[in-house]
Amino acid sequence: MANTTLSQRPNTASRTTVFLKLLMATSGAVFVLYVLLHMYGNLKALWGEEAFNEYAHHLRTILMPMLPYGGLLWIIRVVLIVGVVAHVYAAFKLWSRANHARPTRYAVASASKAALKSKMMRWGGVALLAFIIWHLLQFTIVKFNVNGDVSGPDVENNPFGLLHAAFQVWWVVLIYVVALIALGMHLFHGVWSMAQTCGWTSTASRRKAWKTIGAVIALVVSIGFIIPPLAIAFGAI
């Protein structure tokens, strides 16, 4: 009876670990799709105030009158909140299991390198979570600007004004540039981890393809997000 119990526990733990990894991969895929779309929308700022404000207004009127004003945005926000909770929960559970499974340091250099990458992903994810909270407070929840140039109802009617004023402050631009570089690194490793979890890296050619896909997504997203803040900071917009 004891042997049966012991054999069941590793199997259960293994199935739970697989589930957590699939949960991370699924929620991560949702975020990849979202940041690609969000990045594309932010690039509208390059075409000026009218184009960006029209885009921001259109986001709130999609599927009207089937949905109320801003209805689709709220659906997206709920999905993203659920995804964040699931992603963070799975990440910390896997983090905890890894720490318990490896109480001592690795003796093999390759294993140590893998552990370092894993730690970078975890702490990079924590840093990105803090940045996302800052970003939401600045542009969605509170809608504040550190230099105080934009406030009140104008923010709702003129989102470009808030965006433009925010990135005229050098340290705000620096925060975003650093955060977006971290996002690119997280996306690169995240796409690769998702492909591994889903079993899409079984051959050398597939591994090479998914590393390329991860690198392209990371570069497109990070550079695409960085362009508008830098363009505003240097007076191109």
C-alpha atoms as a PDB file:
ATOM      1  CA  MET A   1       0.000   0.000   0.000  1.00  0.00           C
ATOM      2  CA  ALA A   2       2.831   2.409   0.818  1.00  0.00           C
ATOM      3  CA  ASN A   3       4.495   1.744  -2.499  1.00  0.00           C
ATOM      4  CA  THR A   4       1.244   2.462  -4.343  1.00  0.00           C
ATOM      5  CA  THR A   5       0.855   5.775  -2.525  1.00  0.00           C
ATOM      6  CA  LEU A   6       4.444   6.783  -3.276  1.00  0.00           C
ATOM      7  CA  SER A   7       4.066   5.917  -6.958  1.00  0.00           C
ATOM      8  CA  GLN A   8       0.867   7.934  -7.250  1.00  0.00           C
ATOM      9  CA  ARG A   9       2.357  11.107  -5.761  1.00  0.00           C
ATOM     10  CA  PRO A  10       5.087  11.603  -8.386  1.00  0.00           C
ATOM     11  CA  ASN A  11       2.558  10.943 -11.160  1.00  0.00           C
ATOM     12  CA  THR A  12       0.143  13.474  -9.707  1.00  0.00           C
ATOM     13  CA  ALA A  13       2.910  16.034  -9.262  1.00  0.00           C
ATOM     14  CA  SER A  14       4.083  15.434 -12.830  1.00  0.00           C
ATOM     15  CA  ARG A  15       0.561  15.932 -14.232  1.00  0.00           C
ATOM     16  CA  THR A  16       0.153  19.106 -12.181  1.00  0.00           C
ATOM     17  CA  THR A  17       3.471  20.459 -13.448  1.00  0.00           C
ATOM     18  CA  VAL A  18       2.432  19.778 -17.049  1.00  0.00           C
ATOM     19  CA  PHE A  19      -0.864  21.559 -16.419  1.00  0.00           C
ATOM     20  CA  LEU A  20       0.903  24.578 -14.922  1.00  0.00           C
ATOM     21  CA  LYS A  21       3.266  24.756 -17.898  1.00  0.00           C
ATOM     22  CA  LEU A  22       0.320  24.558 -20.310  1.00  0.00           C
ATOM     23  CA  LEU A  23      -1.433  27.276 -18.324  1.00  0.00           C
ATOM     24  CA  MET A  24       1.631  29.498 -18.651  1.00  0.00           C
ATOM     25  CA  ALA A  25       1.935  28.746 -22.363  1.00  0.00           C
ATOM     26  CA  THR A  26      -1.746  29.476 -23.074  1.00  0.00           C
ATOM     27  CA  SER A  27      -1.873  32.704 -21.088  1.00  0.00           C
ATOM     28  CA  GLY A  28       1.482  33.728 -22.581  1.00  0.00           C
ATOM     29  CA  ALA A  29       0.134  33.216 -26.115  1.00  0.00           C
ATOM     30  CA  VAL A  30      -2.787  35.529 -25.303  1.00  0.00           C
ATOM     31  CA  PHE A  31      -0.342  38.205 -24.110  1.00  0.00           C
ATOM     32  CA  VAL A  32       1.807  37.857 -27.244  1.00  0.00           C
ATOM     33  CA  LEU A  33      -1.246  38.471 -29.434  1.00  0.00           C
ATOM     34  CA  TYR A  34      -2.317  41.411 -27.263  1.00  0.00           C
ATOM     35  CA  VAL A  35       1.059  43.168 -27.214  1.00  0.00           C
ATOM     36  CA  LEU A  36       1.347  42.830 -31.008  1.00  0.00           C
ATOM     37  CA  LEU A  37      -2.039  44.510 -31.476  1.00  0.00           C
ATOM     38  CA  HIS A  38      -1.322  47.109 -28.785  1.00  0.00           C
ATOM     39  CA  MET A  39       2.039  47.914 -30.349  1.00  0.00           C
ATOM     40  CA  TYR A  40       0.423  48.401 -33.750  1.00  0.00           C
ATOM     41  CA  GLY A  41      -2.133  50.769 -32.227  1.00  0.00           C
ATOM     42  CA  ASN A  42       0.543  52.807 -30.453  1.00  0.00           C
ATOM     43  CA  LEU A  43       2.279  53.398 -33.781  1.00  0.00           C
ATOM     44  CA  LYS A  44      -0.758  55.473 -34.783  1.00  0.00           C
ATOM     45  CA  ALA A  45       0.833  58.233 -32.713  1.00  0.00           C
ATOM     46  CA  LEU A  46       3.385  58.692 -35.503  1.00  0.00           C
ATOM     47  CA  TRP A  47       0.576  60.032 -37.706  1.00  0.00           C
ATOM     48  CA  GLY A  48      -0.294  62.742 -35.193  1.00  0.00           C
ATOM     49  CA  GLU A  49      -2.991  63.707 -32.715  1.00  0.00           C
ATOM     50  CA  GLU A  50      -6.032  63.246 -34.936  1.00  0.00           C
ATOM     51  CA  ALA A  51      -5.054  59.760 -36.098  1.00  0.00           C
ATOM     52  CA  PHE A  52      -4.217  58.518 -32.599  1.00  0.00           C
ATOM     53  CA  ASN A  53      -7.362  59.952 -30.988  1.00  0.00           C
ATOM     54  CA  GLU A  54      -9.502  58.490 -33.774  1.00  0.00           C
ATOM     55  CA  TYR A  55      -7.927  55.082 -33.144  1.00  0.00           C
ATOM     56  CA  ALA A  56      -8.502  55.393 -29.369  1.00  0.00           C
ATOM     57  CA  HIS A  57     -12.141  56.365 -29.946  1.00  0.00           C
ATOM     58  CA  HIS A  58     -12.667  53.520 -32.410  1.00  0.00           C
ATOM     59  CA  LEU A  59     -11.523  50.985 -29.805  1.00  0.00           C
ATOM     60  CA  ARG A  60     -14.461  52.094 -27.657  1.00  0.00           C
ATOM     61  CA  THR A  61     -17.069  51.853 -30.408  1.00  0.00           C
ATOM     62  CA  ILE A  62     -16.225  48.421 -31.848  1.00  0.00           C
ATOM     63  CA  LEU A  63     -19.332  46.158 -32.013  1.00  0.00           C
ATOM     64  CA  MET A  64     -21.682  48.981 -31.033  1.00  0.00           C
ATOM     65  CA  PRO A  65     -24.663  48.883 -30.585  1.00  0.00           C
ATOM     66  CA  MET A  66     -24.393  45.153 -29.871  1.00  0.00           C
ATOM     67  CA  LEU A  67     -22.073  46.119 -27.023  1.00  0.00           C
ATOM     68  CA  PRO A  68     -22.185  49.347 -25.010  1.00  0.00           C
ATOM     69  CA  TYR A  69     -19.592  52.081 -25.467  1.00  0.00           C
ATOM     70  CA  GLY A  70     -16.244  50.625 -24.418  1.00  0.00           C
ATOM     71  CA  GLY A  71     -17.792  47.154 -24.049  1.00  0.00           C
ATOM     72  CA  LEU A  72     -15.193  45.275 -26.084  1.00  0.00           C
ATOM     73  CA  LEU A  73     -12.381  46.997 -24.190  1.00  0.00           C
ATOM     74  CA  TRP A  74     -13.825  45.765 -20.910  1.00  0.00           C
ATOM     75  CA  ILE A  75     -14.101  42.220 -22.255  1.00  0.00           C
ATOM     76  CA  ILE A  76     -10.445  42.389 -23.310  1.00  0.00           C
ATOM     77  CA  ARG A  77      -9.482  43.780 -19.893  1.00  0.00           C
ATOM     78  CA  VAL A  78     -11.274  40.960 -18.068  1.00  0.00           C
ATOM     79  CA  VAL A  79      -9.574  38.342 -20.265  1.00  0.00           C
ATOM     80  CA  LEU A  80      -6.186  39.957 -19.643  1.00  0.00           C
ATOM     81  CA  ILE A  81      -6.741  40.163 -15.880  1.00  0.00           C
ATOM     82  CA  VAL A  82      -7.671  36.470 -15.766  1.00  0.00           C
ATOM     83  CA  GLY A  83      -4.643  35.728 -17.936  1.00  0.00           C
ATOM     84  CA  VAL A  84      -2.293  37.706 -15.667  1.00  0.00           C
ATOM     85  CA  VAL A  85      -3.596  35.943 -12.565  1.00  0.00           C
ATOM     86  CA  ALA A  86      -3.221  32.532 -14.241  1.00  0.00           C
ATOM     87  CA  HIS A  87       0.253  33.351 -15.588  1.00  0.00           C
ATOM     88  CA  VAL A  88       1.561  34.685 -12.274  1.00  0.00           C
ATOM     89  CA  TYR A  89       0.010  31.802 -10.306  1.00  0.00           C
ATOM     90  CA  ALA A  90       1.542  29.177 -12.600  1.00  0.00           C
ATOM     91  CA  ALA A  91       4.909  30.955 -12.610  1.00  0.00           C
ATOM     92  CA  PHE A  92       5.186  31.118  -8.831  1.00  0.00           C
ATOM     93  CA  LYS A  93       3.973  27.544  -8.351  1.00  0.00           C
ATOM     94  CA  LEU A  94       6.593  26.283 -10.824  1.00  0.00           C
ATOM     95  CA  TRP A  95       9.193  28.538  -9.224  1.00  0.00           C
ATOM     96  CA  SER A  96       8.393  27.072  -5.800  1.00  0.00           C
ATOM     97  CA  ARG A  97       8.553  23.515  -7.097  1.00  0.00           C
ATOM     98  CA  ALA A  98      11.892  24.129  -8.794  1.00  0.00           C
ATOM     99  CA  ASN A  99      13.366  25.531  -5.579  1.00  0.00           C
ATOM    100  CA  HIS A 100      12.182  22.527  -3.568  1.00  0.00           C
ATOM    101  CA  ALA A 101      13.401  20.059  -6.176  1.00  0.00           C
ATOM    102  CA  ARG A 102      16.875  21.637  -6.326  1.00  0.00           C
ATOM    103  CA  PRO A 103      17.958  22.578  -2.808  1.00  0.00           C
ATOM    104  CA  THR A 104      21.638  22.530  -3.760  1.00  0.00           C
ATOM    105  CA  ARG A 105      23.547  24.257  -6.526  1.00  0.00           C
ATOM    106  CA  TYR A 106      24.052  22.605  -9.871  1.00  0.00           C
ATOM    107  CA  ALA A 107      27.394  20.982 -10.410  1.00  0.00           C
ATOM    108  CA  VAL A 108      27.117  20.911 -14.188  1.00  0.00           C
ATOM    109  CA  ALA A 109      27.860  24.142 -16.077  1.00  0.00           C
ATOM    110  CA  SER A 110      25.071  23.654 -18.625  1.00  0.00           C
ATOM    111  CA  ALA A 111      22.531  23.113 -15.873  1.00  0.00           C
ATOM    112  CA  SER A 112      23.732  26.262 -14.120  1.00  0.00           C
ATOM    113  CA  LYS A 113      23.274  28.210 -17.346  1.00  0.00           C
ATOM    114  CA  ALA A 114      19.725  26.910 -17.683  1.00  0.00           C
ATOM    115  CA  ALA A 115      19.013  27.855 -14.065  1.00  0.00           C
ATOM    116  CA  LEU A 116      20.319  31.379 -14.696  1.00  0.00           C
ATOM    117  CA  LYS A 117      18.014  31.806 -17.695  1.00  0.00           C
ATOM    118  CA  SER A 118      15.110  30.550 -15.613  1.00  0.00           C
ATOM    119  CA  LYS A 119      15.854  33.053 -12.843  1.00  0.00           C
ATOM    120  CA  MET A 120      16.129  35.876 -15.381  1.00  0.00           C
ATOM    121  CA  MET A 121      12.703  34.965 -16.754  1.00  0.00           C
ATOM    122  CA  ARG A 122      11.166  34.886 -13.289  1.00  0.00           C
ATOM    123  CA  TRP A 123      12.630  38.132 -11.978  1.00  0.00           C
ATOM    124  CA  GLY A 124      12.133  39.770 -15.363  1.00  0.00           C
ATOM    125  CA  GLY A 125       8.483  38.775 -15.128  1.00  0.00           C
ATOM    126  CA  VAL A 126       8.217  40.343 -11.667  1.00  0.00           C
ATOM    127  CA  ALA A 127       9.761  43.573 -12.982  1.00  0.00           C
ATOM    128  CA  LEU A 128       7.379  43.581 -15.954  1.00  0.00           C
ATOM    129  CA  LEU A 129       4.401  43.091 -13.639  1.00  0.00           C
ATOM    130  CA  ALA A 130       5.462  46.175 -11.666  1.00  0.00           C
ATOM    131  CA  PHE A 131       5.865  48.112 -14.929  1.00  0.00           C
ATOM    132  CA  ILE A 132       2.416  47.038 -16.164  1.00  0.00           C
ATOM    133  CA  ILE A 133       0.864  48.357 -12.932  1.00  0.00           C
ATOM    134  CA  TRP A 134       2.676  51.694 -13.436  1.00  0.00           C
ATOM    135  CA  HIS A 135       1.590  51.796 -17.090  1.00  0.00           C
ATOM    136  CA  LEU A 136      -2.067  51.127 -16.260  1.00  0.00           C
ATOM    137  CA  LEU A 137      -2.083  53.756 -13.532  1.00  0.00           C
ATOM    138  CA  GLN A 138      -0.538  56.327 -15.860  1.00  0.00           C
ATOM    139  CA  PHE A 139      -2.633  55.768 -18.977  1.00  0.00           C
ATOM    140  CA  THR A 140      -5.791  53.853 -17.992  1.00  0.00           C
ATOM    141  CA  ILE A 141      -6.812  53.911 -14.320  1.00  0.00           C
ATOM    142  CA  VAL A 142      -5.668  57.259 -12.876  1.00  0.00           C
ATOM    143  CA  LYS A 143      -4.534  58.864 -16.170  1.00  0.00           C
ATOM    144  CA  PHE A 144      -1.918  61.102 -14.607  1.00  0.00           C
ATOM    145  CA  ASN A 145       1.086  62.852 -16.063  1.00  0.00           C
ATOM    146  CA  VAL A 146       4.175  63.502 -13.992  1.00  0.00           C
ATOM    147  CA  ASN A 147       4.667  67.030 -15.324  1.00  0.00           C
ATOM    148  CA  GLY A 148       1.043  67.960 -14.633  1.00  0.00           C
ATOM    149  CA  ASP A 149       0.307  69.351 -18.090  1.00  0.00           C
ATOM    150  CA  VAL A 150      -2.712  67.135 -18.727  1.00  0.00           C
ATOM    151  CA  SER A 151      -5.524  66.448 -16.289  1.00  0.00           C
ATOM    152  CA  GLY A 152      -9.272  66.208 -15.931  1.00  0.00           C
ATOM    153  CA  PRO A 153     -11.741  65.438 -18.762  1.00  0.00           C
ATOM    154  CA  ASP A 154      -9.236  66.432 -21.481  1.00  0.00           C
ATOM    155  CA  VAL A 155      -7.487  63.126 -20.894  1.00  0.00           C
ATOM    156  CA  GLU A 156     -10.601  61.196 -21.920  1.00  0.00           C
ATOM    157  CA  ASN A 157     -11.189  63.328 -25.019  1.00  0.00           C
ATOM    158  CA  ASN A 158      -7.533  63.699 -25.973  1.00  0.00           C
ATOM    159  CA  PRO A 159      -5.500  60.561 -25.113  1.00  0.00           C
ATOM    160  CA  PHE A 160      -2.769  61.759 -27.474  1.00  0.00           C
ATOM    161  CA  GLY A 161      -2.266  64.783 -25.219  1.00  0.00           C
ATOM    162  CA  LEU A 162      -1.521  62.553 -22.240  1.00  0.00           C
ATOM    163  CA  LEU A 163       0.779  60.365 -24.311  1.00  0.00           C
ATOM    164  CA  HIS A 164       2.657  63.331 -25.738  1.00  0.00           C
ATOM    165  CA  ALA A 165       3.063  65.099 -22.399  1.00  0.00           C
ATOM    166  CA  ALA A 166       4.183  61.928 -20.578  1.00  0.00           C
ATOM    167  CA  PHE A 167       7.065  61.190 -22.933  1.00  0.00           C
ATOM    168  CA  GLN A 168       8.445  64.697 -22.766  1.00  0.00           C
ATOM    169  CA  VAL A 169       9.823  63.713 -19.347  1.00  0.00           C
ATOM    170  CA  TRP A 170      13.205  62.043 -19.858  1.00  0.00           C
ATOM    171  CA  TRP A 171      13.081  59.617 -16.944  1.00  0.00           C
ATOM    172  CA  VAL A 172       9.619  58.381 -17.973  1.00  0.00           C
ATOM    173  CA  VAL A 173      11.039  57.634 -21.428  1.00  0.00           C
ATOM    174  CA  LEU A 174      13.993  55.847 -19.820  1.00  0.00           C
ATOM    175  CA  ILE A 175      11.677  53.680 -17.686  1.00  0.00           C
ATOM    176  CA  TYR A 176       9.736  52.664 -20.772  1.00  0.00           C
ATOM    177  CA  VAL A 177      12.814  51.934 -22.872  1.00  0.00           C
ATOM    178  CA  VAL A 178      14.319  49.707 -20.166  1.00  0.00           C
ATOM    179  CA  ALA A 179      10.974  47.978 -19.559  1.00  0.00           C
ATOM    180  CA  LEU A 180      10.457  47.334 -23.268  1.00  0.00           C
ATOM    181  CA  ILE A 181      13.925  45.839 -23.652  1.00  0.00           C
ATOM    182  CA  ALA A 182      13.038  43.551 -20.732  1.00  0.00           C
ATOM    183  CA  LEU A 183       9.731  42.753 -22.448  1.00  0.00           C
ATOM    184  CA  GLY A 184      11.586  41.767 -25.613  1.00  0.00           C
ATOM    185  CA  MET A 185      13.846  39.395 -23.678  1.00  0.00           C
ATOM    186  CA  HIS A 186      10.848  37.932 -21.863  1.00  0.00           C
ATOM    187  CA  LEU A 187       8.986  37.407 -25.141  1.00  0.00           C
ATOM    188  CA  PHE A 188      11.966  35.695 -26.768  1.00  0.00           C
ATOM    189  CA  HIS A 189      12.373  33.173 -23.951  1.00  0.00           C
ATOM    190  CA  GLY A 190       8.599  32.927 -23.455  1.00  0.00           C
ATOM    191  CA  VAL A 191       7.857  32.004 -27.073  1.00  0.00           C
ATOM    192  CA  TRP A 192      10.618  29.387 -26.969  1.00  0.00           C
ATOM    193  CA  SER A 193       9.306  27.950 -23.681  1.00  0.00           C
ATOM    194  CA  MET A 194       5.759  27.845 -25.075  1.00  0.00           C
ATOM    195  CA  ALA A 195       6.964  25.930 -28.136  1.00  0.00           C
ATOM    196  CA  GLN A 196       8.825  23.456 -25.912  1.00  0.00           C
ATOM    197  CA  THR A 197       5.792  22.959 -23.670  1.00  0.00           C
ATOM    198  CA  CYS A 198       3.556  22.291 -26.669  1.00  0.00           C
ATOM    199  CA  GLY A 199       6.041  19.790 -28.121  1.00  0.00           C
ATOM    200  CA  TRP A 200       6.887  21.854 -31.207  1.00  0.00           C
ATOM    201  CA  THR A 201      10.681  21.634 -30.828  1.00  0.00           C
ATOM    202  CA  SER A 202      11.256  17.925 -31.448  1.00  0.00           C
ATOM    203  CA  THR A 203      13.731  18.410 -34.315  1.00  0.00           C
ATOM    204  CA  ALA A 204      16.714  20.693 -34.904  1.00  0.00           C
ATOM    205  CA  SER A 205      14.927  22.531 -37.739  1.00  0.00           C
ATOM    206  CA  ARG A 206      11.882  23.176 -35.564  1.00  0.00           C
ATOM    207  CA  ARG A 207      14.027  24.418 -32.705  1.00  0.00           C
ATOM    208  CA  LYS A 208      15.794  26.810 -35.060  1.00  0.00           C
ATOM    209  CA  ALA A 209      12.461  27.981 -36.500  1.00  0.00           C
ATOM    210  CA  TRP A 210      10.927  28.700 -33.086  1.00  0.00           C
ATOM    211  CA  LYS A 211      14.025  30.541 -31.891  1.00  0.00           C
ATOM    212  CA  THR A 212      13.773  32.678 -35.018  1.00  0.00           C
ATOM    213  CA  ILE A 213      10.055  33.277 -34.443  1.00  0.00           C
ATOM    214  CA  GLY A 214      10.736  34.250 -30.832  1.00  0.00           C
ATOM    215  CA  ALA A 215      13.502  36.656 -31.861  1.00  0.00           C
ATOM    216  CA  VAL A 216      11.347  38.288 -34.560  1.00  0.00           C
ATOM    217  CA  ILE A 217       8.368  38.749 -32.210  1.00  0.00           C
ATOM    218  CA  ALA A 218      10.621  40.142 -29.471  1.00  0.00           C
ATOM    219  CA  LEU A 219      12.312  42.634 -31.817  1.00  0.00           C
ATOM    220  CA  VAL A 220       9.089  43.750 -33.525  1.00  0.00           C
ATOM    221  CA  VAL A 221       7.259  44.313 -30.245  1.00  0.00           C
ATOM    222  CA  SER A 222      10.069  46.022 -28.332  1.00  0.00           C
ATOM    223  CA  ILE A 223      11.164  48.269 -31.217  1.00  0.00           C
ATOM    224  CA  GLY A 224       7.569  49.028 -32.201  1.00  0.00           C
ATOM    225  CA  PHE A 225       6.723  50.105 -28.647  1.00  0.00           C
ATOM    226  CA  ILE A 226       9.937  52.119 -28.220  1.00  0.00           C
ATOM    227  CA  ILE A 227       9.522  54.195 -31.406  1.00  0.00           C
ATOM    228  CA  PRO A 228       6.639  56.484 -30.256  1.00  0.00           C
ATOM    229  CA  PRO A 229       8.222  57.482 -26.886  1.00  0.00           C
ATOM    230  CA  LEU A 230      11.558  58.240 -28.548  1.00  0.00           C
ATOM    231  CA  ALA A 231       9.880  60.108 -31.392  1.00  0.00           C
ATOM    232  CA  ILE A 232       8.005  62.288 -28.879  1.00  0.00           C
ATOM    233  CA  ALA A 233      11.078  62.785 -26.679  1.00  0.00           C
ATOM    234  CA  PHE A 234      13.190  63.981 -29.620  1.00  0.00           C
ATOM    235  CA  GLY A 235      10.457  66.196 -31.058  1.00  0.00           C
ATOM    236  CA  ALA A 236       9.662  64.152 -34.156  1.00  0.00           C
ATOM    237  CA  ILE A 237       5.969  64.128 -33.214  1.00  0.00           C
END
